[in-house]
Amino acid sequence: MALPLEKTKIENSINKQIFMVYGRPKIGKSTFCNQFPSPLFLATEPGLNHLECYRVIVNSWDKFLESCADIAKGGHKFETIVIDTFDNLIDLCAEWVCKEKGIEHVADLPMGKGYGFVNTHIRQKINKLAQLGYAIILVSHCDLVEVETKTKKFNKYTISVSGRNKAFALGLPDYILFIDSVIKDNEEVRIIRAQPSMYWDAGSRDGKLPAELPLSFNELSKYFKQKEATNV
């Protein structure tokens, strides 16, 4: 195999990115995701009846695999794939692994192998979709957890994925966006927090997004190159 002669270029097209979007209930996560270019929702739980959107009901891991295969075939207009919620997709994959391995819970396999199987299967499918040129959005619920250090205790917002799947879920996306709200001029304003803090999980691989920006795809898209044509 020949070694490369040039450095790879930075990939800044929005349809080459994986996003994690999380926040409190009813704060506008799905509505925000619906602003992305030509989105298709893979709905792993109820809650999209308030939106006019394209969606596929995904109630099993096999259904998710079927949906991924249909997306990969192309011949459609979708450019963004929204998994709503990622929390439930992990549960569906875990159920499938348990059935395949003949166990009751993924923790029944020694050395964390059950969790490893779940994470590997999900990572492979998500990365394959991303490589095909789709923007991927993983929607998660929000937990407020207590963090204790040697000197203080404080509360921190994070995704509701728990246990050994959490580190995997936080490491998978290129951008972790925390949907929050603040009071400005005596009115509640919804925002995106895109930089890490001791009080919430957020951030990106390149760190180019500001600490705070309005809850709007148009505002977010200013930090990315014009999207490229997808593989359709």
C-alpha atoms as a PDB file:
ATOM      1  CA  MET A   1       0.000   0.000   0.000  1.00  0.00           C
ATOM      2  CA  ALA A   2       1.377   3.377  -1.006  1.00  0.00           C
ATOM      3  CA  LEU A   3       1.767   5.941   1.761  1.00  0.00           C
ATOM      4  CA  PRO A   4      -0.056   9.292   1.340  1.00  0.00           C
ATOM      5  CA  LEU A   5       1.813  12.157  -0.265  1.00  0.00           C
ATOM      6  CA  GLU A   6      -0.501  14.934   0.947  1.00  0.00           C
ATOM      7  CA  LYS A   7      -2.348  15.752   4.142  1.00  0.00           C
ATOM      8  CA  THR A   8      -6.088  15.228   4.173  1.00  0.00           C
ATOM      9  CA  LYS A   9      -8.197  18.381   4.058  1.00  0.00           C
ATOM     10  CA  ILE A  10     -10.460  19.426   6.917  1.00  0.00           C
ATOM     11  CA  GLU A  11     -14.020  18.224   6.270  1.00  0.00           C
ATOM     12  CA  ASN A  12     -16.364  21.081   7.085  1.00  0.00           C
ATOM     13  CA  SER A  13     -19.520  20.170   5.165  1.00  0.00           C
ATOM     14  CA  ILE A  14     -22.539  19.812   7.392  1.00  0.00           C
ATOM     15  CA  ASN A  15     -23.588  16.640   5.588  1.00  0.00           C
ATOM     16  CA  LYS A  16     -20.383  14.962   6.724  1.00  0.00           C
ATOM     17  CA  GLN A  17     -21.017  15.443  10.451  1.00  0.00           C
ATOM     18  CA  ILE A  18     -22.558  13.479  13.311  1.00  0.00           C
ATOM     19  CA  PHE A  19     -24.436  15.608  15.861  1.00  0.00           C
ATOM     20  CA  MET A  20     -25.690  14.765  19.323  1.00  0.00           C
ATOM     21  CA  VAL A  21     -28.632  16.991  20.299  1.00  0.00           C
ATOM     22  CA  TYR A  22     -30.010  16.767  23.822  1.00  0.00           C
ATOM     23  CA  GLY A  23     -32.007  18.851  26.263  1.00  0.00           C
ATOM     24  CA  ARG A  24     -34.954  18.965  28.602  1.00  0.00           C
ATOM     25  CA  PRO A  25     -38.381  17.675  27.489  1.00  0.00           C
ATOM     26  CA  LYS A  26     -40.427  20.001  25.243  1.00  0.00           C
ATOM     27  CA  ILE A  27     -37.553  22.432  24.708  1.00  0.00           C
ATOM     28  CA  GLY A  28     -37.568  22.060  20.917  1.00  0.00           C
ATOM     29  CA  LYS A  29     -35.032  19.343  20.091  1.00  0.00           C
ATOM     30  CA  SER A  30     -37.087  17.629  17.378  1.00  0.00           C
ATOM     31  CA  THR A  31     -38.312  20.951  15.952  1.00  0.00           C
ATOM     32  CA  PHE A  32     -34.693  22.097  15.649  1.00  0.00           C
ATOM     33  CA  CYS A  33     -33.684  18.841  13.953  1.00  0.00           C
ATOM     34  CA  ASN A  34     -36.551  19.272  11.499  1.00  0.00           C
ATOM     35  CA  GLN A  35     -34.875  22.482  10.265  1.00  0.00           C
ATOM     36  CA  PHE A  36     -31.911  20.547   8.852  1.00  0.00           C
ATOM     37  CA  PRO A  37     -31.859  19.864   5.097  1.00  0.00           C
ATOM     38  CA  SER A  38     -34.424  17.232   4.002  1.00  0.00           C
ATOM     39  CA  PRO A  39     -34.596  15.306   7.273  1.00  0.00           C
ATOM     40  CA  LEU A  40     -35.850  11.747   7.760  1.00  0.00           C
ATOM     41  CA  PHE A  41     -36.736  10.798  11.328  1.00  0.00           C
ATOM     42  CA  LEU A  42     -36.079   7.250  12.474  1.00  0.00           C
ATOM     43  CA  ALA A  43     -38.514   7.375  15.394  1.00  0.00           C
ATOM     44  CA  THR A  44     -37.637   4.899  18.131  1.00  0.00           C
ATOM     45  CA  GLU A  45     -40.280   6.338  20.476  1.00  0.00           C
ATOM     46  CA  PRO A  46     -43.510   8.378  20.234  1.00  0.00           C
ATOM     47  CA  GLY A  47     -43.409  12.166  20.345  1.00  0.00           C
ATOM     48  CA  LEU A  48     -43.325  13.520  16.787  1.00  0.00           C
ATOM     49  CA  ASN A  49     -47.045  14.065  16.282  1.00  0.00           C
ATOM     50  CA  HIS A  50     -46.564  17.814  16.660  1.00  0.00           C
ATOM     51  CA  LEU A  51     -44.283  17.929  13.611  1.00  0.00           C
ATOM     52  CA  GLU A  52     -44.938  17.695   9.903  1.00  0.00           C
ATOM     53  CA  CYS A  53     -42.041  15.458   8.995  1.00  0.00           C
ATOM     54  CA  TYR A  54     -40.981  12.315   7.183  1.00  0.00           C
ATOM     55  CA  ARG A  55     -40.586   9.480   9.633  1.00  0.00           C
ATOM     56  CA  VAL A  56     -40.163   5.750   9.892  1.00  0.00           C
ATOM     57  CA  ILE A  57     -41.287   3.952  13.035  1.00  0.00           C
ATOM     58  CA  VAL A  58     -38.323   1.955  14.330  1.00  0.00           C
ATOM     59  CA  ASN A  59     -39.456  -0.444  17.049  1.00  0.00           C
ATOM     60  CA  SER A  60     -36.730  -3.093  16.734  1.00  0.00           C
ATOM     61  CA  TRP A  61     -33.067  -3.384  15.799  1.00  0.00           C
ATOM     62  CA  ASP A  62     -34.044  -5.354  12.695  1.00  0.00           C
ATOM     63  CA  LYS A  63     -36.281  -2.457  11.619  1.00  0.00           C
ATOM     64  CA  PHE A  64     -33.378  -0.065  12.110  1.00  0.00           C
ATOM     65  CA  LEU A  65     -31.146  -2.256   9.930  1.00  0.00           C
ATOM     66  CA  GLU A  66     -33.867  -2.369   7.284  1.00  0.00           C
ATOM     67  CA  SER A  67     -34.186   1.428   7.361  1.00  0.00           C
ATOM     68  CA  CYS A  68     -30.410   1.868   7.054  1.00  0.00           C
ATOM     69  CA  ALA A  69     -30.370  -0.433   4.037  1.00  0.00           C
ATOM     70  CA  ASP A  70     -33.187   1.525   2.379  1.00  0.00           C
ATOM     71  CA  ILE A  71     -31.380   4.808   3.014  1.00  0.00           C
ATOM     72  CA  ALA A  72     -28.099   3.457   1.647  1.00  0.00           C
ATOM     73  CA  LYS A  73     -29.772   2.429  -1.628  1.00  0.00           C
ATOM     74  CA  GLY A  74     -30.283   6.110  -2.461  1.00  0.00           C
ATOM     75  CA  GLY A  75     -32.926   7.227  -4.926  1.00  0.00           C
ATOM     76  CA  HIS A  76     -34.585   9.437  -2.319  1.00  0.00           C
ATOM     77  CA  LYS A  77     -34.457  13.083  -1.335  1.00  0.00           C
ATOM     78  CA  PHE A  78     -33.311  12.776   2.291  1.00  0.00           C
ATOM     79  CA  GLU A  79     -30.088  14.483   3.333  1.00  0.00           C
ATOM     80  CA  THR A  80     -30.310  14.349   7.125  1.00  0.00           C
ATOM     81  CA  ILE A  81     -31.009  11.242   9.219  1.00  0.00           C
ATOM     82  CA  VAL A  82     -32.439  11.948  12.686  1.00  0.00           C
ATOM     83  CA  ILE A  83     -32.468   9.126  15.228  1.00  0.00           C
ATOM     84  CA  ASP A  84     -35.053  10.176  17.794  1.00  0.00           C
ATOM     85  CA  THR A  85     -34.127   8.985  20.314  1.00  0.00           C
ATOM     86  CA  PHE A  86     -30.638   7.522  20.431  1.00  0.00           C
ATOM     87  CA  ASP A  87     -31.377   6.333  23.967  1.00  0.00           C
ATOM     88  CA  ASN A  88     -34.041   3.963  22.670  1.00  0.00           C
ATOM     89  CA  LEU A  89     -31.896   2.801  19.749  1.00  0.00           C
ATOM     90  CA  ILE A  90     -29.316   1.595  22.276  1.00  0.00           C
ATOM     91  CA  ASP A  91     -32.053  -0.323  24.111  1.00  0.00           C
ATOM     92  CA  LEU A  92     -33.285  -1.892  20.856  1.00  0.00           C
ATOM     93  CA  CYS A  93     -29.782  -3.010  19.967  1.00  0.00           C
ATOM     94  CA  ALA A  94     -29.267  -4.379  23.479  1.00  0.00           C
ATOM     95  CA  GLU A  95     -32.465  -6.419  23.182  1.00  0.00           C
ATOM     96  CA  TRP A  96     -31.233  -7.830  19.869  1.00  0.00           C
ATOM     97  CA  VAL A  97     -27.806  -8.725  21.339  1.00  0.00           C
ATOM     98  CA  CYS A  98     -29.465 -10.460  24.274  1.00  0.00           C
ATOM     99  CA  LYS A  99     -31.621 -12.514  21.928  1.00  0.00           C
ATOM    100  CA  GLU A 100     -28.634 -13.419  19.747  1.00  0.00           C
ATOM    101  CA  LYS A 101     -26.491 -14.418  22.730  1.00  0.00           C
ATOM    102  CA  GLY A 102     -29.267 -16.105  24.719  1.00  0.00           C
ATOM    103  CA  ILE A 103     -28.883 -13.865  27.773  1.00  0.00           C
ATOM    104  CA  GLU A 104     -31.234 -11.743  29.875  1.00  0.00           C
ATOM    105  CA  HIS A 105     -29.123  -8.589  30.004  1.00  0.00           C
ATOM    106  CA  VAL A 106     -25.992  -7.387  28.224  1.00  0.00           C
ATOM    107  CA  ALA A 107     -24.281  -7.215  31.626  1.00  0.00           C
ATOM    108  CA  ASP A 108     -24.548 -11.017  31.820  1.00  0.00           C
ATOM    109  CA  LEU A 109     -21.605 -11.361  29.433  1.00  0.00           C
ATOM    110  CA  PRO A 110     -18.240 -11.118  31.238  1.00  0.00           C
ATOM    111  CA  MET A 111     -15.697  -8.332  30.861  1.00  0.00           C
ATOM    112  CA  GLY A 112     -18.272  -5.893  29.489  1.00  0.00           C
ATOM    113  CA  LYS A 113     -18.530  -7.842  26.227  1.00  0.00           C
ATOM    114  CA  GLY A 114     -22.301  -7.330  26.012  1.00  0.00           C
ATOM    115  CA  TYR A 115     -21.940  -3.553  26.091  1.00  0.00           C
ATOM    116  CA  GLY A 116     -19.105  -3.838  23.612  1.00  0.00           C
ATOM    117  CA  PHE A 117     -21.293  -5.738  21.147  1.00  0.00           C
ATOM    118  CA  VAL A 118     -24.003  -3.066  21.396  1.00  0.00           C
ATOM    119  CA  ASN A 119     -21.577  -0.196  20.917  1.00  0.00           C
ATOM    120  CA  THR A 120     -19.821  -1.877  17.989  1.00  0.00           C
ATOM    121  CA  HIS A 121     -23.037  -2.641  16.096  1.00  0.00           C
ATOM    122  CA  ILE A 122     -24.348   0.900  16.531  1.00  0.00           C
ATOM    123  CA  ARG A 123     -21.025   2.572  15.669  1.00  0.00           C
ATOM    124  CA  GLN A 124     -20.722   0.587  12.451  1.00  0.00           C
ATOM    125  CA  LYS A 125     -24.181   1.549  11.223  1.00  0.00           C
ATOM    126  CA  ILE A 126     -23.961   5.226  12.192  1.00  0.00           C
ATOM    127  CA  ASN A 127     -20.515   5.649  10.649  1.00  0.00           C
ATOM    128  CA  LYS A 128     -21.607   3.943   7.435  1.00  0.00           C
ATOM    129  CA  LEU A 129     -24.519   6.364   7.042  1.00  0.00           C
ATOM    130  CA  ALA A 130     -22.231   9.311   7.737  1.00  0.00           C
ATOM    131  CA  GLN A 131     -19.709   8.097   5.155  1.00  0.00           C
ATOM    132  CA  LEU A 132     -22.473   8.005   2.541  1.00  0.00           C
ATOM    133  CA  GLY A 133     -22.841  11.772   2.891  1.00  0.00           C
ATOM    134  CA  TYR A 134     -25.751  12.224   5.275  1.00  0.00           C
ATOM    135  CA  ALA A 135     -25.831  14.543   8.261  1.00  0.00           C
ATOM    136  CA  ILE A 136     -26.607  12.331  11.256  1.00  0.00           C
ATOM    137  CA  ILE A 137     -28.400  13.646  14.339  1.00  0.00           C
ATOM    138  CA  LEU A 138     -28.615  11.568  17.499  1.00  0.00           C
ATOM    139  CA  VAL A 139     -31.336  12.939  19.783  1.00  0.00           C
ATOM    140  CA  SER A 140     -31.137  12.208  23.493  1.00  0.00           C
ATOM    141  CA  HIS A 141     -33.086  13.076  26.583  1.00  0.00           C
ATOM    142  CA  CYS A 142     -31.434  15.045  29.366  1.00  0.00           C
ATOM    143  CA  ASP A 143     -30.366  14.051  32.871  1.00  0.00           C
ATOM    144  CA  LEU A 144     -29.323  16.346  35.695  1.00  0.00           C
ATOM    145  CA  VAL A 145     -26.729  14.475  37.717  1.00  0.00           C
ATOM    146  CA  GLU A 146     -24.839  15.364  40.864  1.00  0.00           C
ATOM    147  CA  VAL A 147     -21.074  15.516  40.467  1.00  0.00           C
ATOM    148  CA  GLU A 148     -18.826  15.385  43.502  1.00  0.00           C
ATOM    149  CA  THR A 149     -15.163  16.346  43.472  1.00  0.00           C
ATOM    150  CA  LYS A 150     -12.686  16.642  46.306  1.00  0.00           C
ATOM    151  CA  THR A 151     -13.690  20.261  46.901  1.00  0.00           C
ATOM    152  CA  LYS A 152     -17.322  20.678  45.798  1.00  0.00           C
ATOM    153  CA  LYS A 153     -20.616  19.226  44.687  1.00  0.00           C
ATOM    154  CA  PHE A 154     -22.556  20.568  41.716  1.00  0.00           C
ATOM    155  CA  ASN A 155     -25.269  19.551  39.251  1.00  0.00           C
ATOM    156  CA  LYS A 156     -24.478  18.850  35.611  1.00  0.00           C
ATOM    157  CA  TYR A 157     -26.688  18.356  32.551  1.00  0.00           C
ATOM    158  CA  THR A 158     -25.790  15.363  30.417  1.00  0.00           C
ATOM    159  CA  ILE A 159     -27.362  12.896  28.007  1.00  0.00           C
ATOM    160  CA  SER A 160     -29.687  10.341  29.556  1.00  0.00           C
ATOM    161  CA  VAL A 161     -27.695   7.392  28.218  1.00  0.00           C
ATOM    162  CA  SER A 162     -26.323   5.656  31.278  1.00  0.00           C
ATOM    163  CA  GLY A 163     -23.857   3.000  32.337  1.00  0.00           C
ATOM    164  CA  ARG A 164     -21.168   1.716  30.021  1.00  0.00           C
ATOM    165  CA  ASN A 165     -22.957   3.056  26.950  1.00  0.00           C
ATOM    166  CA  LYS A 166     -22.577   6.688  28.012  1.00  0.00           C
ATOM    167  CA  ALA A 167     -18.901   7.184  27.201  1.00  0.00           C
ATOM    168  CA  PHE A 168     -19.505   5.555  23.823  1.00  0.00           C
ATOM    169  CA  ALA A 169     -22.496   7.816  23.112  1.00  0.00           C
ATOM    170  CA  LEU A 170     -20.556  10.960  24.017  1.00  0.00           C
ATOM    171  CA  GLY A 171     -17.563   9.910  21.929  1.00  0.00           C
ATOM    172  CA  LEU A 172     -19.475   9.003  18.759  1.00  0.00           C
ATOM    173  CA  PRO A 173     -20.645  12.448  17.508  1.00  0.00           C
ATOM    174  CA  ASP A 174     -18.505  15.202  16.046  1.00  0.00           C
ATOM    175  CA  TYR A 175     -20.646  17.840  17.804  1.00  0.00           C
ATOM    176  CA  ILE A 176     -22.537  17.648  21.097  1.00  0.00           C
ATOM    177  CA  LEU A 177     -25.189  20.374  21.293  1.00  0.00           C
ATOM    178  CA  PHE A 178     -27.019  21.063  24.542  1.00  0.00           C
ATOM    179  CA  ILE A 179     -30.381  22.755  23.990  1.00  0.00           C
ATOM    180  CA  ASP A 180     -31.018  25.095  26.907  1.00  0.00           C
ATOM    181  CA  SER A 181     -32.838  28.328  27.729  1.00  0.00           C
ATOM    182  CA  VAL A 182     -31.856  31.600  29.376  1.00  0.00           C
ATOM    183  CA  ILE A 183     -33.724  34.705  30.494  1.00  0.00           C
ATOM    184  CA  LYS A 184     -33.007  37.779  28.353  1.00  0.00           C
ATOM    185  CA  ASP A 185     -34.970  41.013  28.768  1.00  0.00           C
ATOM    186  CA  ASN A 186     -37.425  39.169  31.031  1.00  0.00           C
ATOM    187  CA  GLU A 187     -38.171  36.582  28.342  1.00  0.00           C
ATOM    188  CA  GLU A 188     -37.116  32.950  28.040  1.00  0.00           C
ATOM    189  CA  VAL A 189     -34.877  32.427  25.007  1.00  0.00           C
ATOM    190  CA  ARG A 190     -33.877  28.994  23.772  1.00  0.00           C
ATOM    191  CA  ILE A 191     -30.238  28.548  22.846  1.00  0.00           C
ATOM    192  CA  ILE A 192     -27.639  26.003  21.810  1.00  0.00           C
ATOM    193  CA  ARG A 193     -24.685  25.498  24.129  1.00  0.00           C
ATOM    194  CA  ALA A 194     -21.801  24.193  22.048  1.00  0.00           C
ATOM    195  CA  GLN A 195     -18.778  24.510  24.334  1.00  0.00           C
ATOM    196  CA  PRO A 196     -18.038  22.296  27.360  1.00  0.00           C
ATOM    197  CA  SER A 197     -18.697  23.424  30.909  1.00  0.00           C
ATOM    198  CA  MET A 198     -18.596  21.908  34.353  1.00  0.00           C
ATOM    199  CA  TYR A 199     -22.386  22.330  34.297  1.00  0.00           C
ATOM    200  CA  TRP A 200     -23.198  20.543  31.012  1.00  0.00           C
ATOM    201  CA  ASP A 201     -21.776  18.224  28.368  1.00  0.00           C
ATOM    202  CA  ALA A 202     -21.185  19.949  25.020  1.00  0.00           C
ATOM    203  CA  GLY A 203     -18.386  20.483  22.552  1.00  0.00           C
ATOM    204  CA  SER A 204     -16.899  19.413  19.240  1.00  0.00           C
ATOM    205  CA  ARG A 205     -13.804  17.879  17.729  1.00  0.00           C
ATOM    206  CA  ASP A 206     -12.693  21.198  16.225  1.00  0.00           C
ATOM    207  CA  GLY A 207     -13.961  23.647  18.869  1.00  0.00           C
ATOM    208  CA  LYS A 208     -15.046  26.141  16.223  1.00  0.00           C
ATOM    209  CA  LEU A 209     -18.590  26.741  17.448  1.00  0.00           C
ATOM    210  CA  PRO A 210     -19.204  29.585  19.920  1.00  0.00           C
ATOM    211  CA  ALA A 211     -20.156  28.860  23.495  1.00  0.00           C
ATOM    212  CA  GLU A 212     -23.735  29.930  22.794  1.00  0.00           C
ATOM    213  CA  LEU A 213     -25.840  30.510  19.694  1.00  0.00           C
ATOM    214  CA  PRO A 214     -29.566  30.845  18.956  1.00  0.00           C
ATOM    215  CA  LEU A 215     -31.647  27.695  18.572  1.00  0.00           C
ATOM    216  CA  SER A 216     -31.768  27.919  14.792  1.00  0.00           C
ATOM    217  CA  PHE A 217     -30.333  25.757  12.039  1.00  0.00           C
ATOM    218  CA  ASN A 218     -29.653  28.876   9.972  1.00  0.00           C
ATOM    219  CA  GLU A 219     -27.428  30.191  12.753  1.00  0.00           C
ATOM    220  CA  LEU A 220     -25.654  26.856  13.161  1.00  0.00           C
ATOM    221  CA  SER A 221     -25.090  26.428   9.419  1.00  0.00           C
ATOM    222  CA  LYS A 222     -23.041  29.648   9.280  1.00  0.00           C
ATOM    223  CA  TYR A 223     -20.146  27.701  10.764  1.00  0.00           C
ATOM    224  CA  PHE A 224     -20.103  25.069   8.013  1.00  0.00           C
ATOM    225  CA  LYS A 225     -19.358  25.037   4.302  1.00  0.00           C
ATOM    226  CA  GLN A 226     -22.236  24.837   1.848  1.00  0.00           C
ATOM    227  CA  LYS A 227     -23.430  21.242   1.942  1.00  0.00           C
ATOM    228  CA  GLU A 228     -22.347  18.960  -0.828  1.00  0.00           C
ATOM    229  CA  ALA A 229     -24.600  16.759  -2.936  1.00  0.00           C
ATOM    230  CA  THR A 230     -25.481  13.511  -1.178  1.00  0.00           C
ATOM    231  CA  ASN A 231     -25.187  10.021  -2.585  1.00  0.00           C
ATOM    232  CA  VAL A 232     -28.675   9.675  -4.070  1.00  0.00           C
END
